[in-house]
């Protein structure tokens, strides 16, 4: 807040950062695996629910009704570098999460194509869910389609993960974009996701079918080849007032907030009151800087200011 009295402005000093604009940290996941059920149409109905495929080089989503059975996938990221970047840019705890998205791609991205390994379903468009999981303790494992193992997560062990808190973030429509074409999936900023991401630790996502059509393959980090899963986390500085000056009958307020976001400027004559009046709106510029002129301010009275969404 800023108070004016007798042409005196109390200044809230900025932290000396050179750049205020929103910054984004991009990271590749460090663990992933698909789990599956098998089906009567694959290897004479072989039961795959107890097997691990953490070293498969690809991840998959398909419904239980698909020809090769159900596929779900889990991905784990570390966000420590992102938090370090945000703290160095804005100062410790002087930032908030602006957006989170996942970027996925595959060398099998054409609809109607059968992937090289017959364990997988034909690539097909459809709907799928991205879910946040609180439990990051699962093990990737080393199993492959040709040599599955039991040293990591399996379809049968999914209930252990789901026994902890979990939250469906969004349902998305997959349209096969072509081979090696990257698709970005924005995630809603739920309280669970924001808290997990802001903590700078590990974060896990689960992917599963939301209809009976989807056959989605995307590369794992170990196979990569430019198509490894990525998480993009953008942060913006916390909304605050930086300074205020009173010149020629106009009080000029400077603040910092989210890039291109609109804010309300509120004022009151007494801090003890809850009756803050909105005296104008202002939009932060492409660097997040907020500039506002109060033409009704008086050098002979006091006024407190604050910014709000």
C-alpha atoms as a PDB file:
ATOM      1  CA  UNK A   1       0.000   0.000   0.000  1.00  0.00           C
ATOM      2  CA  UNK A   2       1.031   3.636  -0.551  1.00  0.00           C
ATOM      3  CA  UNK A   3       0.006   6.612   1.606  1.00  0.00           C
ATOM      4  CA  UNK A   4       0.210  10.255   0.512  1.00  0.00           C
ATOM      5  CA  UNK A   5       0.273  13.251   2.839  1.00  0.00           C
ATOM      6  CA  UNK A   6       1.686  16.762   2.307  1.00  0.00           C
ATOM      7  CA  UNK A   7       3.247  15.741  -0.978  1.00  0.00           C
ATOM      8  CA  UNK A   8       5.071  12.886   0.785  1.00  0.00           C
ATOM      9  CA  UNK A   9       4.963   9.438  -0.757  1.00  0.00           C
ATOM     10  CA  UNK A  10       6.061   6.367   1.139  1.00  0.00           C
ATOM     11  CA  UNK A  11       7.909   4.096  -1.259  1.00  0.00           C
ATOM     12  CA  UNK A  12       7.894   0.331  -1.324  1.00  0.00           C
ATOM     13  CA  UNK A  13      11.242  -0.433  -2.895  1.00  0.00           C
ATOM     14  CA  UNK A  14      11.653  -3.077  -5.564  1.00  0.00           C
ATOM     15  CA  UNK A  15      14.181  -5.844  -5.049  1.00  0.00           C
ATOM     16  CA  UNK A  16      16.551  -4.694  -7.769  1.00  0.00           C
ATOM     17  CA  UNK A  17      15.761  -7.389 -10.328  1.00  0.00           C
ATOM     18  CA  UNK A  18      16.690  -6.450 -13.881  1.00  0.00           C
ATOM     19  CA  UNK A  19      13.732  -8.231 -15.468  1.00  0.00           C
ATOM     20  CA  UNK A  20      10.127  -8.235 -14.297  1.00  0.00           C
ATOM     21  CA  UNK A  21       8.515 -10.069 -17.173  1.00  0.00           C
ATOM     22  CA  UNK A  22       6.968 -13.484 -16.711  1.00  0.00           C
ATOM     23  CA  UNK A  23       9.616 -16.217 -16.879  1.00  0.00           C
ATOM     24  CA  UNK A  24       9.190 -19.860 -17.866  1.00  0.00           C
ATOM     25  CA  UNK A  25      11.133 -22.919 -16.776  1.00  0.00           C
ATOM     26  CA  UNK A  26      11.054 -25.976 -19.033  1.00  0.00           C
ATOM     27  CA  UNK A  27      12.072 -29.396 -17.767  1.00  0.00           C
ATOM     28  CA  UNK A  28      12.156 -32.958 -19.081  1.00  0.00           C
ATOM     29  CA  UNK A  29      10.701 -35.677 -16.906  1.00  0.00           C
ATOM     30  CA  UNK A  30      13.045 -38.136 -15.192  1.00  0.00           C
ATOM     31  CA  UNK A  31      10.727 -41.136 -14.787  1.00  0.00           C
ATOM     32  CA  UNK A  32       7.830 -42.591 -16.751  1.00  0.00           C
ATOM     33  CA  UNK A  33       6.113 -45.867 -17.533  1.00  0.00           C
ATOM     34  CA  UNK A  34       3.036 -47.277 -19.172  1.00  0.00           C
ATOM     35  CA  UNK A  35       0.951 -50.000 -17.560  1.00  0.00           C
ATOM     36  CA  UNK A  36      -1.525 -52.223 -19.375  1.00  0.00           C
ATOM     37  CA  UNK A  37      -3.961 -55.090 -19.055  1.00  0.00           C
ATOM     38  CA  UNK A  38      -3.515 -57.188 -22.167  1.00  0.00           C
ATOM     39  CA  UNK A  39      -6.545 -58.494 -24.046  1.00  0.00           C
ATOM     40  CA  UNK A  40      -7.917 -61.578 -25.817  1.00  0.00           C
ATOM     41  CA  UNK A  41      -6.650 -60.021 -29.055  1.00  0.00           C
ATOM     42  CA  UNK A  42      -3.043 -59.849 -27.866  1.00  0.00           C
ATOM     43  CA  UNK A  43      -0.889 -62.948 -27.358  1.00  0.00           C
ATOM     44  CA  UNK A  44      -3.900 -65.181 -26.782  1.00  0.00           C
ATOM     45  CA  UNK A  45      -5.117 -63.131 -23.875  1.00  0.00           C
ATOM     46  CA  UNK A  46      -1.854 -62.824 -21.946  1.00  0.00           C
ATOM     47  CA  UNK A  47      -2.393 -61.090 -18.608  1.00  0.00           C
ATOM     48  CA  UNK A  48      -0.059 -58.056 -18.455  1.00  0.00           C
ATOM     49  CA  UNK A  49      -1.471 -56.448 -15.316  1.00  0.00           C
ATOM     50  CA  UNK A  50       1.407 -57.557 -13.083  1.00  0.00           C
ATOM     51  CA  UNK A  51       4.194 -56.507 -15.467  1.00  0.00           C
ATOM     52  CA  UNK A  52       6.283 -53.377 -15.696  1.00  0.00           C
ATOM     53  CA  UNK A  53       7.103 -51.432 -18.886  1.00  0.00           C
ATOM     54  CA  UNK A  54       9.159 -48.544 -17.507  1.00  0.00           C
ATOM     55  CA  UNK A  55      11.938 -49.025 -20.051  1.00  0.00           C
ATOM     56  CA  UNK A  56       9.673 -49.204 -23.096  1.00  0.00           C
ATOM     57  CA  UNK A  57      10.768 -45.917 -24.675  1.00  0.00           C
ATOM     58  CA  UNK A  58       7.186 -44.871 -25.284  1.00  0.00           C
ATOM     59  CA  UNK A  59       4.024 -44.146 -23.317  1.00  0.00           C
ATOM     60  CA  UNK A  60       0.481 -45.046 -24.287  1.00  0.00           C
ATOM     61  CA  UNK A  61      -3.163 -44.316 -23.580  1.00  0.00           C
ATOM     62  CA  UNK A  62      -5.983 -46.630 -24.675  1.00  0.00           C
ATOM     63  CA  UNK A  63      -9.352 -47.764 -23.250  1.00  0.00           C
ATOM     64  CA  UNK A  64     -10.178 -51.193 -21.885  1.00  0.00           C
ATOM     65  CA  UNK A  65     -12.317 -51.869 -24.981  1.00  0.00           C
ATOM     66  CA  UNK A  66      -9.407 -51.425 -27.411  1.00  0.00           C
ATOM     67  CA  UNK A  67      -8.068 -54.361 -29.394  1.00  0.00           C
ATOM     68  CA  UNK A  68      -4.854 -54.660 -27.350  1.00  0.00           C
ATOM     69  CA  UNK A  69      -6.411 -53.759 -24.003  1.00  0.00           C
ATOM     70  CA  UNK A  70      -6.183 -50.772 -21.672  1.00  0.00           C
ATOM     71  CA  UNK A  71      -3.085 -48.592 -21.398  1.00  0.00           C
ATOM     72  CA  UNK A  72      -2.393 -45.929 -18.790  1.00  0.00           C
ATOM     73  CA  UNK A  73       0.798 -43.915 -18.307  1.00  0.00           C
ATOM     74  CA  UNK A  74       2.499 -42.069 -15.471  1.00  0.00           C
ATOM     75  CA  UNK A  75       5.137 -39.328 -15.692  1.00  0.00           C
ATOM     76  CA  UNK A  76       7.252 -37.757 -12.959  1.00  0.00           C
ATOM     77  CA  UNK A  77       9.050 -34.382 -13.105  1.00  0.00           C
ATOM     78  CA  UNK A  78      11.416 -32.570 -10.750  1.00  0.00           C
ATOM     79  CA  UNK A  79      10.691 -28.845 -10.394  1.00  0.00           C
ATOM     80  CA  UNK A  80      13.632 -27.777  -8.211  1.00  0.00           C
ATOM     81  CA  UNK A  81      15.328 -25.877 -11.049  1.00  0.00           C
ATOM     82  CA  UNK A  82      12.155 -23.934 -11.749  1.00  0.00           C
ATOM     83  CA  UNK A  83      11.808 -22.720  -8.176  1.00  0.00           C
ATOM     84  CA  UNK A  84      15.489 -21.731  -8.147  1.00  0.00           C
ATOM     85  CA  UNK A  85      14.950 -19.728 -11.349  1.00  0.00           C
ATOM     86  CA  UNK A  86      11.884 -17.954  -9.982  1.00  0.00           C
ATOM     87  CA  UNK A  87      13.594 -17.117  -6.696  1.00  0.00           C
ATOM     88  CA  UNK A  88      16.643 -15.713  -8.477  1.00  0.00           C
ATOM     89  CA  UNK A  89      14.447 -13.648 -10.817  1.00  0.00           C
ATOM     90  CA  UNK A  90      11.919 -12.224  -8.370  1.00  0.00           C
ATOM     91  CA  UNK A  91      13.387 -12.879  -4.948  1.00  0.00           C
ATOM     92  CA  UNK A  92      12.488 -15.705  -2.599  1.00  0.00           C
ATOM     93  CA  UNK A  93       8.707 -16.149  -2.315  1.00  0.00           C
ATOM     94  CA  UNK A  94       8.013 -13.014  -4.373  1.00  0.00           C
ATOM     95  CA  UNK A  95       6.358 -14.909  -7.230  1.00  0.00           C
ATOM     96  CA  UNK A  96       3.317 -16.992  -8.060  1.00  0.00           C
ATOM     97  CA  UNK A  97       2.582 -19.640 -10.678  1.00  0.00           C
ATOM     98  CA  UNK A  98       1.112 -18.159 -13.867  1.00  0.00           C
ATOM     99  CA  UNK A  99       0.661 -21.304 -15.979  1.00  0.00           C
ATOM    100  CA  UNK A 100       1.586 -24.981 -16.240  1.00  0.00           C
ATOM    101  CA  UNK A 101       1.489 -27.066 -19.404  1.00  0.00           C
ATOM    102  CA  UNK A 102       2.756 -30.393 -20.721  1.00  0.00           C
ATOM    103  CA  UNK A 103       4.273 -30.890 -24.168  1.00  0.00           C
ATOM    104  CA  UNK A 104       4.157 -34.343 -25.782  1.00  0.00           C
ATOM    105  CA  UNK A 105       5.182 -35.766 -29.154  1.00  0.00           C
ATOM    106  CA  UNK A 106       5.688 -39.119 -30.836  1.00  0.00           C
ATOM    107  CA  UNK A 107       7.335 -40.647 -33.839  1.00  0.00           C
ATOM    108  CA  UNK A 108       4.002 -42.488 -34.205  1.00  0.00           C
ATOM    109  CA  UNK A 109       1.545 -39.635 -34.585  1.00  0.00           C
ATOM    110  CA  UNK A 110      -0.454 -40.468 -37.703  1.00  0.00           C
ATOM    111  CA  UNK A 111      -4.000 -41.757 -37.259  1.00  0.00           C
ATOM    112  CA  UNK A 112      -4.625 -45.329 -38.393  1.00  0.00           C
ATOM    113  CA  UNK A 113      -0.978 -46.377 -38.134  1.00  0.00           C
ATOM    114  CA  UNK A 114       0.008 -49.537 -36.275  1.00  0.00           C
ATOM    115  CA  UNK A 115       3.121 -48.887 -34.154  1.00  0.00           C
ATOM    116  CA  UNK A 116       6.121 -51.108 -34.735  1.00  0.00           C
ATOM    117  CA  UNK A 117       5.546 -53.252 -31.641  1.00  0.00           C
ATOM    118  CA  UNK A 118       2.275 -55.233 -31.790  1.00  0.00           C
ATOM    119  CA  UNK A 119       1.611 -54.709 -28.075  1.00  0.00           C
ATOM    120  CA  UNK A 120       0.305 -51.223 -28.905  1.00  0.00           C
ATOM    121  CA  UNK A 121      -3.050 -50.227 -30.330  1.00  0.00           C
ATOM    122  CA  UNK A 122      -3.465 -48.423 -33.643  1.00  0.00           C
ATOM    123  CA  UNK A 123      -2.982 -44.647 -33.327  1.00  0.00           C
ATOM    124  CA  UNK A 124      -6.407 -43.026 -33.043  1.00  0.00           C
ATOM    125  CA  UNK A 125      -7.964 -39.757 -31.937  1.00  0.00           C
ATOM    126  CA  UNK A 126     -10.121 -39.507 -28.851  1.00  0.00           C
ATOM    127  CA  UNK A 127     -10.308 -38.122 -25.346  1.00  0.00           C
ATOM    128  CA  UNK A 128      -8.018 -38.627 -22.373  1.00  0.00           C
ATOM    129  CA  UNK A 129      -7.637 -37.356 -18.821  1.00  0.00           C
ATOM    130  CA  UNK A 130      -4.570 -35.801 -17.208  1.00  0.00           C
ATOM    131  CA  UNK A 131      -4.614 -36.392 -13.476  1.00  0.00           C
ATOM    132  CA  UNK A 132      -2.408 -35.037 -10.687  1.00  0.00           C
ATOM    133  CA  UNK A 133      -1.187 -37.564  -8.108  1.00  0.00           C
ATOM    134  CA  UNK A 134       0.070 -36.743  -4.632  1.00  0.00           C
ATOM    135  CA  UNK A 135       2.124 -39.942  -4.396  1.00  0.00           C
ATOM    136  CA  UNK A 136       5.502 -39.598  -6.139  1.00  0.00           C
ATOM    137  CA  UNK A 137       7.014 -42.740  -4.621  1.00  0.00           C
ATOM    138  CA  UNK A 138       6.409 -45.107  -7.556  1.00  0.00           C
ATOM    139  CA  UNK A 139       9.379 -46.751  -9.286  1.00  0.00           C
ATOM    140  CA  UNK A 140       9.826 -46.503 -13.040  1.00  0.00           C
ATOM    141  CA  UNK A 141      11.177 -50.024 -13.537  1.00  0.00           C
ATOM    142  CA  UNK A 142      13.131 -51.439 -16.478  1.00  0.00           C
ATOM    143  CA  UNK A 143      10.578 -53.560 -18.343  1.00  0.00           C
ATOM    144  CA  UNK A 144      10.143 -53.395 -22.122  1.00  0.00           C
ATOM    145  CA  UNK A 145       7.471 -54.890 -24.403  1.00  0.00           C
ATOM    146  CA  UNK A 146       9.897 -57.636 -25.410  1.00  0.00           C
ATOM    147  CA  UNK A 147      11.190 -58.222 -21.891  1.00  0.00           C
ATOM    148  CA  UNK A 148       8.708 -57.046 -19.217  1.00  0.00           C
ATOM    149  CA  UNK A 149       9.804 -57.074 -15.584  1.00  0.00           C
ATOM    150  CA  UNK A 150       8.257 -56.703 -12.132  1.00  0.00           C
ATOM    151  CA  UNK A 151      10.720 -54.165 -10.707  1.00  0.00           C
ATOM    152  CA  UNK A 152       8.515 -51.069 -11.049  1.00  0.00           C
ATOM    153  CA  UNK A 153       4.972 -49.797 -11.338  1.00  0.00           C
ATOM    154  CA  UNK A 154       2.363 -52.129 -12.844  1.00  0.00           C
ATOM    155  CA  UNK A 155      -1.332 -51.939 -13.636  1.00  0.00           C
ATOM    156  CA  UNK A 156      -2.002 -53.931 -10.472  1.00  0.00           C
ATOM    157  CA  UNK A 157      -0.095 -51.394  -8.346  1.00  0.00           C
ATOM    158  CA  UNK A 158      -2.110 -48.383  -9.548  1.00  0.00           C
ATOM    159  CA  UNK A 159      -4.537 -48.667  -6.591  1.00  0.00           C
ATOM    160  CA  UNK A 160      -1.594 -47.980  -4.269  1.00  0.00           C
ATOM    161  CA  UNK A 161      -0.985 -44.643  -5.994  1.00  0.00           C
ATOM    162  CA  UNK A 162      -4.674 -43.829  -6.068  1.00  0.00           C
ATOM    163  CA  UNK A 163      -5.036 -44.536  -2.353  1.00  0.00           C
ATOM    164  CA  UNK A 164      -3.352 -41.160  -1.826  1.00  0.00           C
ATOM    165  CA  UNK A 165      -4.867 -37.844  -2.875  1.00  0.00           C
ATOM    166  CA  UNK A 166      -5.356 -37.429  -6.626  1.00  0.00           C
ATOM    167  CA  UNK A 167      -7.245 -34.991  -8.823  1.00  0.00           C
ATOM    168  CA  UNK A 168      -8.380 -35.106 -12.443  1.00  0.00           C
ATOM    169  CA  UNK A 169      -7.106 -31.858 -13.938  1.00  0.00           C
ATOM    170  CA  UNK A 170      -8.621 -31.860 -17.408  1.00  0.00           C
ATOM    171  CA  UNK A 171     -10.116 -33.948 -20.201  1.00  0.00           C
ATOM    172  CA  UNK A 172      -8.460 -33.340 -23.557  1.00  0.00           C
ATOM    173  CA  UNK A 173      -9.226 -34.250 -27.143  1.00  0.00           C
ATOM    174  CA  UNK A 174      -6.342 -35.854 -29.017  1.00  0.00           C
ATOM    175  CA  UNK A 175      -6.254 -35.459 -32.780  1.00  0.00           C
ATOM    176  CA  UNK A 176      -3.225 -37.290 -34.240  1.00  0.00           C
ATOM    177  CA  UNK A 177      -1.042 -34.400 -35.466  1.00  0.00           C
ATOM    178  CA  UNK A 178       1.488 -36.385 -37.467  1.00  0.00           C
ATOM    179  CA  UNK A 179       4.872 -37.870 -36.684  1.00  0.00           C
ATOM    180  CA  UNK A 180       7.204 -35.782 -34.488  1.00  0.00           C
ATOM    181  CA  UNK A 181       4.675 -32.971 -34.097  1.00  0.00           C
ATOM    182  CA  UNK A 182       4.601 -31.509 -30.585  1.00  0.00           C
ATOM    183  CA  UNK A 183       1.277 -30.859 -28.850  1.00  0.00           C
ATOM    184  CA  UNK A 184       0.970 -28.673 -25.737  1.00  0.00           C
ATOM    185  CA  UNK A 185      -1.679 -29.434 -23.127  1.00  0.00           C
ATOM    186  CA  UNK A 186      -2.408 -26.503 -20.732  1.00  0.00           C
ATOM    187  CA  UNK A 187      -3.301 -27.527 -17.182  1.00  0.00           C
ATOM    188  CA  UNK A 188      -5.738 -25.722 -14.880  1.00  0.00           C
ATOM    189  CA  UNK A 189      -4.125 -24.113 -11.847  1.00  0.00           C
ATOM    190  CA  UNK A 190      -5.843 -26.092  -9.134  1.00  0.00           C
ATOM    191  CA  UNK A 191      -4.764 -25.615  -5.530  1.00  0.00           C
ATOM    192  CA  UNK A 192      -3.160 -29.074  -5.424  1.00  0.00           C
ATOM    193  CA  UNK A 193      -1.159 -28.586  -8.599  1.00  0.00           C
ATOM    194  CA  UNK A 194      -0.004 -25.073  -7.702  1.00  0.00           C
ATOM    195  CA  UNK A 195       1.101 -26.163  -4.227  1.00  0.00           C
ATOM    196  CA  UNK A 196       3.008 -29.139  -5.624  1.00  0.00           C
ATOM    197  CA  UNK A 197       4.698 -27.130  -8.373  1.00  0.00           C
ATOM    198  CA  UNK A 198       5.522 -24.219  -6.066  1.00  0.00           C
ATOM    199  CA  UNK A 199       7.133 -26.593  -3.583  1.00  0.00           C
ATOM    200  CA  UNK A 200       9.926 -27.345  -6.032  1.00  0.00           C
ATOM    201  CA  UNK A 201       9.895 -31.093  -5.467  1.00  0.00           C
ATOM    202  CA  UNK A 202       8.531 -33.879  -7.646  1.00  0.00           C
ATOM    203  CA  UNK A 203       5.173 -33.917  -9.393  1.00  0.00           C
ATOM    204  CA  UNK A 204       3.394 -36.915 -10.943  1.00  0.00           C
ATOM    205  CA  UNK A 205       0.749 -37.051 -13.677  1.00  0.00           C
ATOM    206  CA  UNK A 206      -1.379 -39.999 -14.750  1.00  0.00           C
ATOM    207  CA  UNK A 207      -2.917 -40.318 -18.224  1.00  0.00           C
ATOM    208  CA  UNK A 208      -5.911 -42.524 -18.979  1.00  0.00           C
ATOM    209  CA  UNK A 209      -8.635 -42.857 -21.620  1.00  0.00           C
ATOM    210  CA  UNK A 210     -11.857 -40.863 -21.360  1.00  0.00           C
ATOM    211  CA  UNK A 211     -13.629 -42.592 -24.273  1.00  0.00           C
ATOM    212  CA  UNK A 212     -13.431 -45.839 -26.224  1.00  0.00           C
ATOM    213  CA  UNK A 213     -11.651 -44.355 -29.242  1.00  0.00           C
ATOM    214  CA  UNK A 214      -8.277 -43.017 -28.201  1.00  0.00           C
ATOM    215  CA  UNK A 215      -4.994 -44.677 -29.114  1.00  0.00           C
ATOM    216  CA  UNK A 216      -2.309 -42.161 -28.116  1.00  0.00           C
ATOM    217  CA  UNK A 217       1.423 -42.884 -28.143  1.00  0.00           C
ATOM    218  CA  UNK A 218       4.085 -40.390 -27.080  1.00  0.00           C
ATOM    219  CA  UNK A 219       7.803 -40.768 -26.537  1.00  0.00           C
ATOM    220  CA  UNK A 220       9.318 -41.336 -23.124  1.00  0.00           C
ATOM    221  CA  UNK A 221      12.295 -39.318 -21.929  1.00  0.00           C
ATOM    222  CA  UNK A 222      14.662 -42.293 -22.371  1.00  0.00           C
ATOM    223  CA  UNK A 223      13.796 -42.686 -26.062  1.00  0.00           C
ATOM    224  CA  UNK A 224      13.474 -38.938 -26.514  1.00  0.00           C
ATOM    225  CA  UNK A 225      14.929 -38.071 -29.921  1.00  0.00           C
ATOM    226  CA  UNK A 226      13.586 -34.544 -29.545  1.00  0.00           C
ATOM    227  CA  UNK A 227      10.134 -35.784 -28.510  1.00  0.00           C
ATOM    228  CA  UNK A 228      10.662 -36.297 -24.776  1.00  0.00           C
ATOM    229  CA  UNK A 229       7.868 -35.104 -22.456  1.00  0.00           C
ATOM    230  CA  UNK A 230       8.301 -31.535 -21.242  1.00  0.00           C
ATOM    231  CA  UNK A 231       6.702 -29.476 -18.518  1.00  0.00           C
ATOM    232  CA  UNK A 232       6.525 -25.692 -18.898  1.00  0.00           C
ATOM    233  CA  UNK A 233       6.003 -23.729 -15.685  1.00  0.00           C
ATOM    234  CA  UNK A 234       5.652 -19.949 -15.915  1.00  0.00           C
ATOM    235  CA  UNK A 235       5.848 -17.648 -12.913  1.00  0.00           C
ATOM    236  CA  UNK A 236       5.016 -13.993 -12.458  1.00  0.00           C
ATOM    237  CA  UNK A 237       5.965 -11.532  -9.723  1.00  0.00           C
ATOM    238  CA  UNK A 238       3.605 -11.143  -6.812  1.00  0.00           C
ATOM    239  CA  UNK A 239       1.301  -8.169  -7.166  1.00  0.00           C
ATOM    240  CA  UNK A 240       2.687  -5.228  -5.222  1.00  0.00           C
ATOM    241  CA  UNK A 241       3.212  -1.483  -5.281  1.00  0.00           C
ATOM    242  CA  UNK A 242       6.752  -0.340  -6.008  1.00  0.00           C
ATOM    243  CA  UNK A 243       6.586   3.439  -5.633  1.00  0.00           C
ATOM    244  CA  UNK A 244       4.441   6.557  -5.581  1.00  0.00           C
ATOM    245  CA  UNK A 245       5.171  10.185  -6.441  1.00  0.00           C
ATOM    246  CA  UNK A 246       3.032  13.324  -6.181  1.00  0.00           C
ATOM    247  CA  UNK A 247       3.718  15.913  -8.907  1.00  0.00           C
ATOM    248  CA  UNK A 248       1.628  18.825 -10.204  1.00  0.00           C
ATOM    249  CA  UNK A 249      -1.512  17.680  -8.430  1.00  0.00           C
ATOM    250  CA  UNK A 250      -1.285  14.094  -9.702  1.00  0.00           C
ATOM    251  CA  UNK A 251      -0.290  11.060  -7.661  1.00  0.00           C
ATOM    252  CA  UNK A 252       1.574   8.569  -9.869  1.00  0.00           C
ATOM    253  CA  UNK A 253       1.599   4.973  -8.656  1.00  0.00           C
ATOM    254  CA  UNK A 254       3.942   2.289 -10.006  1.00  0.00           C
ATOM    255  CA  UNK A 255       3.442  -1.412  -9.329  1.00  0.00           C
ATOM    256  CA  UNK A 256       4.359  -4.854 -10.575  1.00  0.00           C
ATOM    257  CA  UNK A 257       2.099  -7.770 -11.454  1.00  0.00           C
ATOM    258  CA  UNK A 258       1.345 -10.320 -14.131  1.00  0.00           C
ATOM    259  CA  UNK A 259       2.107  -9.573 -17.761  1.00  0.00           C
ATOM    260  CA  UNK A 260      -0.865  -7.924 -19.539  1.00  0.00           C
ATOM    261  CA  UNK A 261      -3.213  -8.599 -16.622  1.00  0.00           C
ATOM    262  CA  UNK A 262      -5.824  -6.053 -15.567  1.00  0.00           C
ATOM    263  CA  UNK A 263      -5.927  -4.813 -11.980  1.00  0.00           C
ATOM    264  CA  UNK A 264      -8.127  -2.590  -9.828  1.00  0.00           C
ATOM    265  CA  UNK A 265      -6.655   0.404  -8.034  1.00  0.00           C
ATOM    266  CA  UNK A 266      -8.333   0.883  -4.656  1.00  0.00           C
ATOM    267  CA  UNK A 267      -8.014   3.738  -2.186  1.00  0.00           C
ATOM    268  CA  UNK A 268      -9.162   4.741   1.286  1.00  0.00           C
ATOM    269  CA  UNK A 269      -8.517   7.604   3.715  1.00  0.00           C
ATOM    270  CA  UNK A 270      -8.311   5.321   6.754  1.00  0.00           C
ATOM    271  CA  UNK A 271      -6.566   1.967   7.083  1.00  0.00           C
ATOM    272  CA  UNK A 272      -8.908   0.947   9.879  1.00  0.00           C
ATOM    273  CA  UNK A 273     -11.872   0.897   7.509  1.00  0.00           C
ATOM    274  CA  UNK A 274     -12.826  -1.931   5.187  1.00  0.00           C
ATOM    275  CA  UNK A 275     -14.430   0.516   2.798  1.00  0.00           C
ATOM    276  CA  UNK A 276     -11.834   0.537   0.030  1.00  0.00           C
ATOM    277  CA  UNK A 277     -13.096   2.345  -3.062  1.00  0.00           C
ATOM    278  CA  UNK A 278     -12.115   1.312  -6.579  1.00  0.00           C
ATOM    279  CA  UNK A 279     -10.832   4.482  -8.230  1.00  0.00           C
ATOM    280  CA  UNK A 280      -9.742   2.965 -11.531  1.00  0.00           C
ATOM    281  CA  UNK A 281      -8.487  -0.029 -13.481  1.00  0.00           C
ATOM    282  CA  UNK A 282      -5.105  -0.501 -15.094  1.00  0.00           C
ATOM    283  CA  UNK A 283      -3.460  -3.140 -17.285  1.00  0.00           C
ATOM    284  CA  UNK A 284       0.118  -4.221 -16.670  1.00  0.00           C
ATOM    285  CA  UNK A 285       2.404  -3.913 -19.682  1.00  0.00           C
ATOM    286  CA  UNK A 286       4.422  -6.641 -21.407  1.00  0.00           C
ATOM    287  CA  UNK A 287       6.977  -6.500 -18.587  1.00  0.00           C
ATOM    288  CA  UNK A 288       4.337  -6.638 -15.838  1.00  0.00           C
ATOM    289  CA  UNK A 289       4.786  -2.952 -14.892  1.00  0.00           C
ATOM    290  CA  UNK A 290       1.680  -1.115 -13.655  1.00  0.00           C
ATOM    291  CA  UNK A 291       1.373   2.659 -14.042  1.00  0.00           C
ATOM    292  CA  UNK A 292      -1.586   4.636 -12.682  1.00  0.00           C
ATOM    293  CA  UNK A 293      -2.290   8.370 -12.244  1.00  0.00           C
ATOM    294  CA  UNK A 294      -4.721   9.494  -9.538  1.00  0.00           C
ATOM    295  CA  UNK A 295      -5.916  12.950 -10.542  1.00  0.00           C
ATOM    296  CA  UNK A 296      -8.185  13.225  -7.506  1.00  0.00           C
ATOM    297  CA  UNK A 297      -5.397  12.993  -4.921  1.00  0.00           C
ATOM    298  CA  UNK A 298      -4.672  16.019  -2.736  1.00  0.00           C
ATOM    299  CA  UNK A 299      -1.393  17.106  -1.194  1.00  0.00           C
ATOM    300  CA  UNK A 300      -3.302  18.287   1.883  1.00  0.00           C
ATOM    301  CA  UNK A 301      -4.934  14.949   2.718  1.00  0.00           C
ATOM    302  CA  UNK A 302      -3.904  11.365   3.192  1.00  0.00           C
ATOM    303  CA  UNK A 303      -4.837   8.427   1.000  1.00  0.00           C
ATOM    304  CA  UNK A 304      -3.824   4.769   1.092  1.00  0.00           C
ATOM    305  CA  UNK A 305      -3.629   2.682  -2.067  1.00  0.00           C
ATOM    306  CA  UNK A 306      -3.666  -0.981  -2.928  1.00  0.00           C
ATOM    307  CA  UNK A 307      -3.847  -3.130  -6.060  1.00  0.00           C
ATOM    308  CA  UNK A 308      -6.217  -6.061  -6.573  1.00  0.00           C
ATOM    309  CA  UNK A 309      -7.473  -8.403  -9.284  1.00  0.00           C
END
